Protein backbone atom coordinates (compact mmCIF):
# COMPACT_ATOMS: atom_id res chain seq x y z
CA MET A 1 24.59 17.08 24.32
CA THR A 2 24.98 18.98 20.93
CA GLN A 3 23.94 22.72 20.56
CA SER A 4 20.74 22.06 18.95
CA ARG A 5 19.37 19.49 22.01
CA GLU A 6 20.59 22.02 24.39
CA ALA A 7 18.56 24.67 22.85
CA SER A 8 15.24 22.55 22.84
CA ILE A 9 15.65 21.65 26.64
CA HIS A 10 13.90 24.78 27.81
CA LEU A 11 10.30 25.21 28.92
CA ARG A 12 8.14 25.33 26.18
CA THR A 13 4.10 24.32 25.84
CA GLY A 14 2.96 21.18 24.65
CA GLY A 15 1.95 22.87 21.59
CA GLN A 16 5.39 24.58 20.79
CA VAL A 17 7.10 21.16 21.27
CA LEU A 18 4.47 19.27 18.99
CA ILE A 19 5.28 22.06 16.28
CA ASP A 20 9.00 21.98 16.77
CA GLN A 21 8.65 18.13 16.15
CA LEU A 22 7.30 18.87 12.86
CA VAL A 23 10.39 21.45 11.88
CA VAL A 24 12.75 18.69 12.93
CA GLN A 25 10.91 16.02 10.59
CA GLY A 26 10.99 18.73 7.71
CA VAL A 27 7.59 19.61 7.21
CA GLU A 28 7.26 22.41 4.92
CA ARG A 29 3.62 22.23 4.87
CA VAL A 30 0.37 21.59 6.86
CA THR A 31 -3.59 21.45 5.89
CA CYS A 32 -6.16 22.43 8.40
CA VAL A 33 -9.39 23.70 9.44
CA PRO A 34 -8.83 25.57 12.81
CA GLY A 35 -10.29 24.47 15.98
CA GLU A 36 -10.27 25.96 19.32
CA SER A 37 -9.17 22.38 20.86
CA TYR A 38 -5.69 22.86 19.40
CA LEU A 39 -5.38 26.67 19.52
CA ALA A 40 -1.95 26.58 21.16
CA ALA A 41 -0.33 24.37 18.40
CA LEU A 42 -1.96 26.66 16.19
CA ASP A 43 -0.24 29.60 17.65
CA ALA A 44 3.07 27.73 17.91
CA LEU A 45 2.87 27.62 13.90
CA ASN A 46 3.43 31.42 13.85
CA ASP A 47 7.00 30.88 14.94
CA THR A 48 7.66 28.73 11.84
CA ASN A 49 7.98 28.80 8.58
CA ILE A 50 5.66 26.15 7.74
CA ASP A 51 3.27 27.04 5.10
CA ILE A 52 -0.36 26.75 6.54
CA MET A 53 -3.19 25.75 4.19
CA ILE A 54 -6.56 26.66 5.51
CA CYS A 55 -9.23 24.77 4.12
CA ARG A 56 -13.03 25.14 4.17
CA ALA A 57 -13.79 21.44 5.50
CA GLU A 58 -11.78 18.52 7.08
CA GLY A 59 -12.67 16.34 4.56
CA GLY A 60 -10.64 18.20 1.76
CA ALA A 61 -8.02 19.42 4.28
CA ALA A 62 -7.32 15.38 4.92
CA MET A 63 -7.52 14.37 1.44
CA MET A 64 -4.77 17.31 0.68
CA ALA A 65 -2.38 16.07 3.21
CA GLU A 66 -3.09 12.36 1.84
CA VAL A 67 -2.31 13.79 -1.51
CA TYR A 68 1.07 15.60 -0.01
CA GLY A 69 2.09 12.12 1.05
CA LYS A 70 1.59 10.64 -2.60
CA LEU A 71 3.73 13.35 -4.19
CA THR A 72 6.77 13.39 -1.69
CA GLY A 73 6.80 10.02 0.27
CA ARG A 74 6.87 11.79 3.56
CA PRO A 75 3.73 12.15 5.55
CA GLY A 76 0.93 14.76 5.01
CA ILE A 77 0.30 16.57 7.98
CA CYS A 78 -3.53 17.80 8.72
CA PHE A 79 -4.63 19.32 11.95
CA VAL A 80 -8.46 19.29 12.70
CA THR A 81 -10.46 20.03 15.81
CA ARG A 82 -12.35 17.34 17.95
CA GLY A 83 -15.75 15.58 17.54
CA PRO A 84 -17.09 16.64 14.01
CA GLY A 85 -13.95 18.03 12.74
CA ALA A 86 -12.32 14.45 13.29
CA THR A 87 -15.39 12.46 11.72
CA ASN A 88 -15.30 14.77 8.63
CA ALA A 89 -11.42 14.34 8.31
CA SER A 90 -12.02 10.11 8.24
CA HIS A 91 -12.55 10.45 4.81
CA GLY A 92 -9.26 11.19 3.96
CA VAL A 93 -7.68 8.90 6.57
CA HIS A 94 -9.71 5.88 4.87
CA ILE A 95 -8.41 6.85 1.55
CA ALA A 96 -4.37 6.86 3.11
CA MET A 97 -5.30 3.21 4.46
CA GLN A 98 -6.57 1.94 1.34
CA ASP A 99 -3.93 3.84 -1.08
CA SER A 100 -0.96 2.85 1.30
CA THR A 101 -0.19 6.63 1.56
CA PRO A 102 1.96 8.03 4.77
CA MET A 103 -0.29 10.57 6.42
CA ILE A 104 -0.41 11.80 9.97
CA LEU A 105 -3.96 13.44 11.27
CA PHE A 106 -3.34 15.41 14.58
CA ILE A 107 -6.90 15.85 16.31
CA GLY A 108 -7.63 18.35 19.00
CA GLN A 109 -9.20 16.70 21.89
CA ILE A 110 -11.27 17.38 24.79
CA ASP A 111 -9.25 18.57 28.18
CA SER A 112 -8.18 15.25 29.71
CA THR A 113 -9.86 15.87 33.03
CA MET A 114 -13.21 15.56 31.49
CA ARG A 115 -13.05 12.19 29.80
CA GLU A 116 -16.05 9.81 29.89
CA ARG A 117 -18.43 12.32 30.69
CA GLU A 118 -19.43 12.66 26.89
CA ALA A 119 -17.96 16.07 27.15
CA PHE A 120 -18.15 18.74 24.26
CA GLN A 121 -17.61 17.03 21.09
CA GLU A 122 -15.84 14.04 22.79
CA VAL A 123 -14.82 11.10 20.81
CA ASP A 124 -13.04 7.75 21.43
CA TYR A 125 -10.35 8.19 18.71
CA LYS A 126 -8.84 4.55 18.97
CA ALA A 127 -12.34 3.36 18.65
CA ALA A 128 -13.47 5.55 15.79
CA PHE A 129 -10.47 5.25 13.58
CA GLY A 130 -9.06 1.76 14.72
CA SER A 131 -9.93 -0.28 11.99
CA MET A 132 -8.76 2.78 9.19
CA ALA A 133 -5.36 3.86 10.56
CA LYS A 134 -2.23 2.21 10.85
CA TRP A 135 -1.82 3.38 14.25
CA VAL A 136 -3.77 5.58 16.91
CA VAL A 137 -2.37 7.19 19.91
CA GLU A 138 -3.66 9.91 22.36
CA ILE A 139 -0.61 11.69 24.17
CA ASP A 140 -1.56 12.19 27.83
CA CYS A 141 1.97 13.50 28.84
CA PRO A 142 3.34 16.45 26.74
CA GLU A 143 6.97 15.29 27.78
CA ARG A 144 6.29 12.36 25.38
CA ILE A 145 5.51 14.41 22.41
CA PRO A 146 8.80 14.14 20.98
CA GLU A 147 8.84 10.49 21.35
CA LEU A 148 5.26 9.81 20.03
CA VAL A 149 5.29 11.84 17.15
CA ALA A 150 8.75 10.50 15.94
CA ARG A 151 7.15 7.00 16.31
CA ALA A 152 4.03 8.00 14.30
CA PHE A 153 6.24 9.35 11.38
CA ARG A 154 8.19 6.07 11.42
CA VAL A 155 4.87 4.07 11.58
CA ALA A 156 3.41 6.08 8.83
CA MET A 157 6.44 5.50 6.54
CA GLN A 158 7.80 2.18 7.39
CA GLY A 159 6.59 -1.50 5.83
CA ARG A 160 2.93 -0.89 4.07
CA ARG A 161 2.76 2.96 4.34
CA GLY A 162 -0.65 4.61 6.00
CA PRO A 163 -2.18 7.06 7.99
CA VAL A 164 -1.62 7.41 11.68
CA VAL A 165 -3.90 9.56 14.00
CA VAL A 166 -2.66 11.33 16.75
CA ALA A 167 -4.94 12.87 19.40
CA LEU A 168 -4.13 16.05 21.45
CA PRO A 169 -6.02 16.92 24.76
CA GLU A 170 -6.24 20.57 25.14
CA ASN A 171 -4.69 20.75 28.52
CA MET A 172 -1.78 18.67 27.44
CA LEU A 173 -1.08 21.02 24.68
CA THR A 174 -0.93 24.21 27.17
CA GLU A 175 1.19 22.66 29.75
CA LYS A 176 4.83 23.61 29.43
CA VAL A 177 7.60 21.18 29.89
CA ALA A 178 11.37 21.32 29.44
CA VAL A 179 12.34 18.32 27.08
CA SER A 180 14.36 17.61 24.20
CA ASP A 181 13.31 17.03 20.63
CA ALA A 182 13.61 13.79 18.70
CA PRO A 183 16.00 13.49 15.65
CA ARG A 184 14.56 13.35 12.06
CA VAL A 185 12.98 10.00 11.13
CA GLU A 186 14.15 8.27 7.84
CA PRO A 187 12.37 5.30 7.54
CA ALA A 188 13.73 1.69 7.46
CA LEU A 189 13.77 -0.31 3.82
CA SER A 190 13.03 -3.87 3.83
CA TRP A 191 15.46 -5.21 1.29
CA PRO A 192 15.62 -8.78 -0.56
CA ALA A 193 17.79 -11.27 0.38
CA PRO A 194 20.53 -12.39 -2.22
CA SER A 195 18.53 -15.83 -2.58
CA ASP A 196 15.40 -14.31 -3.28
CA ILE A 197 16.87 -12.22 -6.19
CA GLU A 198 18.73 -15.64 -7.26
CA GLN A 199 15.39 -17.42 -6.87
CA LEU A 200 13.57 -14.81 -9.01
CA GLY A 201 16.24 -15.21 -11.73
CA MET A 202 15.63 -18.78 -11.64
CA LEU A 203 11.93 -18.59 -12.08
CA LEU A 204 12.19 -15.80 -14.83
CA ALA A 205 14.31 -18.29 -16.58
CA LYS A 206 11.67 -21.41 -16.53
CA SER A 207 8.87 -19.17 -17.54
CA LYS A 208 7.48 -18.81 -20.95
CA ALA A 209 4.58 -16.18 -20.47
CA PRO A 210 5.57 -13.79 -17.56
CA LEU A 211 3.82 -10.75 -16.78
CA VAL A 212 4.74 -7.97 -14.55
CA ILE A 213 2.04 -5.94 -12.32
CA LEU A 214 3.15 -2.48 -10.35
CA GLY A 215 1.19 -1.26 -7.57
CA GLY A 216 1.29 0.23 -4.07
CA SER A 217 3.25 3.11 -2.64
CA GLY A 218 6.68 3.62 -1.48
CA TRP A 219 7.95 4.35 -4.93
CA ASP A 220 10.13 7.37 -6.34
CA GLU A 221 10.97 8.25 -9.55
CA ALA A 222 14.33 6.78 -9.77
CA ALA A 223 12.66 3.33 -8.73
CA SER A 224 10.26 3.71 -11.53
CA LYS A 225 13.38 4.23 -13.91
CA ARG A 226 15.18 1.21 -12.37
CA LEU A 227 12.06 -1.01 -12.92
CA ALA A 228 11.84 0.28 -16.55
CA ARG A 229 15.38 -0.66 -17.16
CA PHE A 230 14.85 -4.21 -15.56
CA THR A 231 12.04 -4.78 -17.97
CA GLU A 232 13.72 -3.93 -21.12
CA ARG A 233 16.66 -6.37 -20.10
CA PHE A 234 14.05 -9.28 -19.94
CA ASP A 235 11.64 -7.73 -22.47
CA LEU A 236 8.90 -8.14 -20.23
CA PRO A 237 5.22 -6.91 -20.30
CA VAL A 238 4.32 -4.41 -17.78
CA ALA A 239 0.64 -3.54 -16.43
CA THR A 240 0.16 -0.96 -13.54
CA SER A 241 -2.82 -1.77 -11.09
CA PHE A 242 -5.66 0.50 -10.65
CA ARG A 243 -4.95 4.21 -10.76
CA ARG A 244 -1.48 3.50 -10.48
CA ALA A 245 -0.66 4.12 -14.21
CA SER A 246 1.80 6.85 -13.61
CA LEU A 247 4.20 4.35 -12.15
CA PHE A 248 5.45 3.53 -15.70
CA ASP A 249 5.60 5.44 -18.90
CA ALA A 250 2.61 4.74 -21.35
CA ASP A 251 4.79 5.34 -24.24
CA HIS A 252 7.32 2.98 -23.09
CA PRO A 253 7.21 -0.34 -25.63
CA ASN A 254 6.74 -2.58 -22.82
CA TYR A 255 3.63 -1.07 -21.29
CA ALA A 256 0.62 -3.17 -21.61
CA GLY A 257 -1.83 -1.14 -19.48
CA ASP A 258 -3.78 -0.54 -16.49
CA LEU A 259 -5.69 -3.05 -14.61
CA GLY A 260 -8.93 -1.58 -13.38
CA VAL A 261 -12.80 -1.09 -13.93
CA GLY A 262 -13.63 -2.28 -17.37
CA PRO A 263 -10.04 -3.16 -18.54
CA ASP A 264 -9.00 -4.05 -22.14
CA PRO A 265 -10.08 -7.82 -22.69
CA ARG A 266 -6.63 -8.52 -24.31
CA LEU A 267 -4.87 -7.71 -21.11
CA LYS A 268 -7.27 -9.73 -18.76
CA ALA A 269 -6.51 -12.55 -21.32
CA ARG A 270 -2.79 -11.92 -20.94
CA VAL A 271 -3.03 -12.37 -17.01
CA ALA A 272 -5.06 -15.42 -17.27
CA GLY A 273 -2.30 -17.09 -19.84
CA ALA A 274 0.61 -16.02 -17.78
CA ASP A 275 2.85 -18.46 -16.29
CA LEU A 276 4.35 -16.27 -13.88
CA ILE A 277 3.42 -13.13 -12.25
CA LEU A 278 5.58 -10.68 -10.86
CA LEU A 279 3.38 -8.44 -8.53
CA LEU A 280 5.61 -5.74 -7.28
CA GLY A 281 4.40 -3.29 -4.49
CA GLY A 282 0.69 -4.01 -4.94
CA ARG A 283 -1.81 -6.21 -3.19
CA MET A 284 -4.15 -6.75 -5.94
CA SER A 285 -7.15 -6.12 -4.16
CA GLU A 286 -10.80 -5.94 -5.12
CA MET A 287 -10.30 -3.47 -8.19
CA PRO A 288 -7.43 -4.56 -9.91
CA SER A 289 -8.46 -8.01 -9.55
CA LEU A 290 -11.63 -7.46 -11.08
CA SER A 291 -13.43 -8.80 -7.90
CA TYR A 292 -10.80 -11.29 -7.15
CA THR A 293 -11.29 -13.30 -10.29
CA LEU A 294 -8.10 -12.79 -12.27
CA LEU A 295 -6.07 -14.88 -9.86
CA ASP A 296 -7.13 -18.00 -8.05
CA ILE A 297 -7.47 -17.73 -4.29
CA PRO A 298 -5.34 -18.90 -2.10
CA SER A 299 -3.12 -20.68 -4.82
CA PRO A 300 -2.89 -19.02 -7.90
CA ALA A 301 -2.61 -21.10 -11.56
CA GLN A 302 0.51 -18.87 -12.11
CA ALA A 303 3.61 -18.72 -10.38
CA LEU A 304 3.51 -15.55 -8.11
CA ILE A 305 6.22 -13.63 -7.18
CA HIS A 306 4.87 -10.94 -4.70
CA VAL A 307 7.18 -8.43 -3.81
CA HIS A 308 5.94 -6.13 -0.93
CA PRO A 309 7.17 -4.10 1.96
CA GLY A 310 4.77 -5.24 4.49
CA ALA A 311 5.05 -8.86 5.67
CA GLU A 312 1.48 -8.89 6.70
CA GLU A 313 0.59 -8.51 2.91
CA LEU A 314 2.56 -11.39 1.90
CA GLY A 315 0.34 -14.41 1.60
CA ARG A 316 -2.55 -12.39 3.17
CA VAL A 317 -4.96 -13.46 0.11
CA TYR A 318 -2.86 -15.01 -2.52
CA GLN A 319 -0.20 -17.51 -1.60
CA PRO A 320 3.17 -16.79 -3.44
CA THR A 321 5.57 -19.01 -5.08
CA LEU A 322 8.18 -16.53 -4.00
CA ALA A 323 7.27 -14.19 -1.09
CA ILE A 324 9.92 -11.24 -0.87
CA GLN A 325 9.64 -8.55 1.90
CA ALA A 326 10.85 -5.43 0.31
CA SER A 327 10.34 -2.17 -0.57
CA PRO A 328 9.81 -1.20 -4.28
CA ILE A 329 12.71 1.26 -3.93
CA ALA A 330 14.78 -1.48 -2.40
CA PHE A 331 13.92 -4.09 -4.96
CA THR A 332 14.66 -2.14 -7.89
CA GLN A 333 17.94 -1.51 -6.58
CA ALA A 334 18.62 -5.51 -5.66
CA VAL A 335 17.77 -6.23 -9.57
CA GLU A 336 19.87 -3.91 -11.21
CA THR A 337 22.43 -6.39 -12.04
CA LEU A 338 20.36 -9.24 -12.95
CA ARG A 339 20.45 -10.14 -16.40
CA PRO A 340 18.86 -13.13 -18.43
CA ALA A 341 21.48 -15.73 -19.38
CA THR A 342 19.93 -16.06 -22.91
CA ALA A 343 17.31 -14.35 -24.89
CA PRO A 344 14.03 -14.90 -23.43
CA VAL A 345 11.44 -17.18 -25.11
CA TRP A 346 8.77 -14.63 -24.66
CA THR A 347 10.62 -11.66 -26.82
CA GLY A 348 8.51 -9.86 -28.58
CA GLU A 349 5.16 -10.39 -26.32
CA ALA A 350 5.87 -6.92 -24.76
CA ALA A 351 5.63 -5.25 -27.81
CA LYS A 352 2.32 -7.14 -28.95
CA ALA A 353 1.17 -6.15 -25.37
CA HIS A 354 2.02 -2.47 -26.00
CA ALA A 355 0.47 -2.34 -29.57
CA ASP A 356 -3.03 -3.86 -27.79
CA TYR A 357 -2.92 -1.07 -25.17
CA LEU A 358 -2.25 1.79 -28.18
CA ASN A 359 -5.15 0.03 -30.19
CA TRP A 360 -7.41 -0.18 -27.05
CA THR A 361 -6.93 3.51 -25.78
CA GLU A 362 -6.52 5.29 -29.01
CA THR A 363 -10.36 5.58 -30.65
CA PRO A 364 -12.99 7.03 -28.32
CA ARG A 365 -16.14 5.31 -28.91
CA GLN A 366 -19.28 7.72 -30.35
CA LEU A 367 -21.91 7.94 -27.45
CA PRO A 368 -25.46 9.99 -27.61
CA GLY A 369 -24.86 13.90 -27.57
CA SER A 370 -22.81 17.01 -29.16
CA PHE A 371 -20.30 16.37 -26.29
CA GLN A 372 -17.91 13.73 -27.28
CA TYR A 373 -16.32 13.17 -23.96
CA GLY A 374 -13.90 10.81 -25.19
CA GLU A 375 -12.62 13.10 -28.05
CA VAL A 376 -11.93 15.79 -25.28
CA VAL A 377 -9.82 13.41 -23.20
CA ALA A 378 -8.04 12.25 -26.22
CA TRP A 379 -7.36 15.66 -27.30
CA LEU A 380 -6.12 16.50 -23.72
CA ARG A 381 -4.12 13.48 -24.17
CA ASP A 382 -1.78 15.11 -26.92
CA ARG A 383 -1.92 18.82 -25.68
CA LEU A 384 -1.09 18.40 -22.08
CA PRO A 385 2.60 18.53 -21.10
CA THR A 386 3.88 15.04 -20.44
CA ASP A 387 4.54 16.42 -16.62
CA ALA A 388 0.89 17.49 -16.07
CA ILE A 389 -0.61 16.37 -12.75
CA VAL A 390 -4.18 14.80 -13.30
CA CYS A 391 -6.44 14.45 -10.62
CA ASN A 392 -9.82 12.76 -10.29
CA GLY A 393 -12.34 11.33 -7.75
CA ALA A 394 -14.74 8.64 -8.43
CA GLY A 395 -17.71 8.24 -10.69
CA ASN A 396 -18.25 6.80 -14.21
CA TYR A 397 -16.70 10.06 -15.60
CA ALA A 398 -13.18 8.67 -14.32
CA GLY A 399 -13.60 6.02 -17.09
CA TRP A 400 -13.08 7.89 -19.80
CA LEU A 401 -10.02 9.33 -18.44
CA HIS A 402 -8.42 6.06 -17.35
CA ARG A 403 -9.09 4.67 -21.16
CA HIS A 404 -8.04 7.49 -23.30
CA HIS A 405 -5.31 9.56 -21.24
CA ARG A 406 -1.67 8.45 -21.05
CA PHE A 407 0.44 9.14 -18.17
CA HIS A 408 4.05 9.67 -18.65
CA ALA A 409 5.76 11.33 -15.47
CA PHE A 410 5.95 10.06 -12.08
CA ALA A 411 3.18 10.76 -9.56
CA ALA A 412 1.23 12.35 -12.48
CA GLN A 413 -1.98 10.16 -11.60
CA LEU A 414 -3.77 11.34 -8.40
CA ALA A 415 -6.52 9.41 -7.81
CA PRO A 416 -8.03 7.31 -4.85
CA THR A 417 -7.88 3.49 -5.29
CA SER A 418 -10.40 3.49 -2.43
CA GLY A 419 -12.95 5.03 -4.91
CA SER A 420 -13.69 8.04 -2.83
CA MET A 421 -15.90 10.86 -4.50
CA GLY A 422 -14.93 14.54 -3.76
CA TYR A 423 -10.89 13.90 -4.15
CA GLY A 424 -10.47 15.54 -7.50
CA VAL A 425 -10.63 19.13 -6.53
CA PRO A 426 -8.64 18.98 -3.24
CA ALA A 427 -6.07 17.07 -4.73
CA ALA A 428 -5.59 19.14 -7.52
CA VAL A 429 -5.21 22.46 -4.85
CA LEU A 430 -2.62 20.58 -3.04
CA ALA A 431 -0.72 19.65 -6.42
CA LYS A 432 -0.67 22.93 -7.46
CA ARG A 433 0.63 24.33 -4.25
CA GLN A 434 3.30 21.85 -4.52
CA PHE A 435 4.34 22.30 -7.88
CA PRO A 436 3.12 25.81 -9.09
CA ASP A 437 4.70 25.62 -12.52
CA ARG A 438 3.19 22.03 -13.43
CA VAL A 439 -0.14 22.03 -15.25
CA VAL A 440 -2.49 20.58 -12.71
CA VAL A 441 -6.13 19.43 -13.90
CA ALA A 442 -8.80 18.07 -11.95
CA PHE A 443 -11.70 15.83 -13.45
CA ALA A 444 -14.86 15.66 -11.41
CA GLY A 445 -18.56 14.48 -12.19
CA ASP A 446 -21.35 17.04 -10.97
CA GLY A 447 -21.69 14.90 -8.12
CA CYS A 448 -18.22 14.17 -7.12
CA PHE A 449 -17.40 17.97 -7.36
CA LEU A 450 -20.30 19.11 -4.84
CA MET A 451 -18.76 16.64 -2.52
CA ASN A 452 -15.53 18.98 -2.04
CA GLY A 453 -16.30 21.78 -4.44
CA GLN A 454 -16.01 24.24 -1.39
CA GLU A 455 -12.13 23.81 -2.00
CA PHE A 456 -12.20 25.71 -5.18
CA ALA A 457 -12.18 28.73 -2.66
CA THR A 458 -9.00 27.39 -0.98
CA ALA A 459 -7.52 27.27 -4.78
CA ALA A 460 -8.52 30.79 -5.10
CA GLN A 461 -7.34 31.97 -1.56
CA TYR A 462 -3.62 30.55 -2.47
CA GLY A 463 -4.00 31.46 -6.27
CA ALA A 464 -3.76 27.99 -7.09
CA ALA A 465 -4.34 27.93 -10.90
CA ILE A 466 -5.96 24.60 -11.41
CA ILE A 467 -8.34 23.52 -14.20
CA VAL A 468 -11.36 21.66 -13.23
CA ILE A 469 -13.00 19.66 -15.91
CA LEU A 470 -16.47 19.20 -14.75
CA ILE A 471 -18.59 16.68 -16.26
CA ASP A 472 -22.44 17.28 -15.72
CA ASN A 473 -24.88 14.80 -16.75
CA GLY A 474 -27.41 15.60 -13.98
CA GLN A 475 -27.05 12.23 -12.26
CA TYR A 476 -25.02 9.87 -10.10
CA GLY A 477 -24.18 7.99 -13.25
CA THR A 478 -22.36 5.14 -11.58
CA ILE A 479 -25.41 4.40 -9.30
CA ARG A 480 -27.80 4.83 -12.49
CA MET A 481 -25.81 2.30 -14.32
CA HIS A 482 -26.38 -0.06 -11.84
CA GLN A 483 -29.69 0.88 -11.64
CA GLU A 484 -30.26 0.24 -15.22
CA ARG A 485 -28.51 -2.95 -15.19
CA GLU A 486 -30.44 -4.33 -12.22
CA TYR A 487 -33.60 -2.53 -12.16
CA PRO A 488 -34.21 -1.21 -15.46
CA GLY A 489 -36.52 1.72 -15.95
CA ARG A 490 -36.98 2.15 -12.51
CA VAL A 491 -34.86 5.20 -11.68
CA ILE A 492 -34.70 6.46 -8.21
CA GLY A 493 -32.45 8.46 -6.07
CA THR A 494 -29.84 9.26 -8.61
CA GLN A 495 -31.18 12.54 -10.25
CA LEU A 496 -29.37 15.73 -9.82
CA GLN A 497 -30.29 19.42 -10.48
CA ASN A 498 -27.03 21.50 -10.60
CA PRO A 499 -26.00 24.98 -10.37
CA ASP A 500 -24.30 27.17 -12.96
CA PHE A 501 -20.72 25.84 -12.22
CA ALA A 502 -19.21 28.25 -14.66
CA LEU A 503 -20.85 30.84 -12.71
CA TYR A 504 -19.69 29.27 -9.31
CA ALA A 505 -16.01 29.32 -10.56
CA ARG A 506 -16.30 33.15 -11.19
CA ALA A 507 -17.97 33.93 -7.96
CA PHE A 508 -14.77 32.84 -6.30
CA GLY A 509 -12.67 35.08 -8.74
CA GLY A 510 -11.95 32.20 -11.01
CA HIS A 511 -12.63 31.48 -14.78
CA GLY A 512 -15.30 29.67 -16.09
CA GLU A 513 -17.26 28.51 -19.05
CA ARG A 514 -19.66 26.44 -19.99
CA ILE A 515 -19.22 23.87 -22.84
CA GLU A 516 -22.08 22.15 -24.88
CA CYS A 517 -20.26 20.39 -27.90
CA THR A 518 -17.01 18.85 -28.43
CA GLN A 519 -15.73 21.94 -30.68
CA GLU A 520 -15.94 24.45 -27.87
CA PHE A 521 -13.56 22.58 -25.57
CA GLY A 522 -10.27 23.24 -26.82
CA PRO A 523 -10.58 27.02 -27.26
CA ALA A 524 -12.31 27.26 -23.85
CA PHE A 525 -9.10 25.04 -22.47
CA GLU A 526 -6.78 27.58 -23.73
CA ARG A 527 -8.35 30.61 -22.18
CA ALA A 528 -8.53 28.65 -18.68
CA LEU A 529 -4.75 27.88 -18.83
CA ALA A 530 -4.04 31.55 -20.13
CA SER A 531 -6.07 33.09 -17.36
CA GLY A 532 -3.77 32.36 -14.56
CA LYS A 533 -6.81 31.62 -12.55
CA PRO A 534 -8.44 28.35 -10.52
CA ALA A 535 -10.93 27.78 -13.61
CA ILE A 536 -13.99 25.44 -14.35
CA LEU A 537 -15.19 24.12 -17.32
CA HIS A 538 -18.42 23.20 -17.19
CA CYS A 539 -19.06 20.40 -19.55
CA LEU A 540 -22.66 18.92 -20.36
CA LEU A 541 -22.52 15.18 -20.97
CA ASP A 542 -25.78 13.57 -22.59
CA PRO A 543 -27.18 11.46 -19.45
CA ARG A 544 -27.52 8.61 -21.91
CA ALA A 545 -23.83 8.43 -22.14
CA ILE A 546 -23.31 6.55 -19.10
CA SER A 547 -20.03 5.10 -19.34
CA VAL A 548 -16.93 5.23 -21.71
CA GLY A 549 -18.00 1.71 -23.35
CA LYS A 550 -22.11 2.12 -23.02
CA ASP A 551 -24.93 4.18 -23.41
CA ILE A 552 -28.18 3.62 -21.11
CA ALA A 553 -29.83 1.27 -23.70
CA SER A 554 -27.05 -0.85 -24.28
CA THR A 555 -26.80 -0.88 -20.22
CA LYS A 556 -30.26 -2.43 -19.67
CA ALA A 557 -30.62 -6.00 -18.64
């Protein structure tokens, strides 16, 4: 028995055993909203070097943990209390599931002797989270904490990554036991067989119009670079799926753009005209597939090579010509030696696709109002450092960002593929805490911001100098757009009365400015950046500028 294992076998409370497992797994920070149901675990954090980020609401805390998983590839850790704490945190769990992000939510639970009485804040977590998490477990016995926590880390990271929910009965955390720690978990990667790579090469050799589509999770910076080299050797055009744009440098000559809401019609035509699609890491779910219309179901017209780490995803919707169960990291290593025997017949198509992308994203459309949001995003595109991290939640305001900004660095885009509102601010807070030397910008609509705007207080508390670009059009713009299309002129339930968001920022000790015209934005951004404080730039957008491509008049049926 090693000295470390001997040291771990002494009487500890369940809370101490639990936190010791996090230390073994290399956890560097956790997010939480404190609760009496897990006091023993909270107390045990006193004896570690784990950074504790105290948040203002469980939804924001869970989203921050999800962002940590996106940025590091290791599970983000969030602690919340029972009942309403847990249900508030479900927001982040759902994001982690749809975004395939490794995350573990630890929930304080009622004393196990009180089950089935509808005790104070009692919830059946297997029932509540069973359809939105990879695994849900309640630890009844403190001796099993090392076993089950190690399993939670493995489940979160292996195959298709995702969230795990662990319930912690209060009495289990205070009971003392003598048990050894589990070892650190490193996920097992699924690797393609040599025959898979050989068949991939044969299919490429027969193709006349191939296209690569990147998505999903389980990537790292090295895998993205290997993939770029592979596409250079074969001169393949590369698209990224919805909110996965930072998997491929936008300046790369092979980049064809992103598939999401309102894609470039020429990219859509390129997908339809392809005779082979290499779908790597992603699922081509509703948003990137344009409501499952880009590819025929169940058998696409194109030869489909689907590479995914989860066996359950291969053939789930689209029946592939070649299914390869492999992580993006393993797949990109396996194709390092693959080269075309002759110059591909499609040579030059990647350059054409990239030219189309540049043309599509370059010039913003003029829309009503003195604040031209598209021009502001284009200005930021040229001003921000290439490694800047840009975050956003959901709403039509994100369309300008996705259309006109260009991502260059791995993990520079933090946005929920699940389309969850309220994500941008907590995402930015965690990102800035993780990478304090990088510029971190959060885009938020007025409706989106106030769903988790309280986490601006968390930014102030930890000195996370994020810059929030808050687009205020006084409405839930996405729903208003749908109303105008389906029920023109019958506006209901979408109008908002907003506070002075610049004053809101200053109330927390941050930097705040109000911006009414395009020319005011650049100097205000520079002042916000120079302030070294969390900042909100409150930008007033004309409500008629309803989306990146349309105004209210052109939206009506």
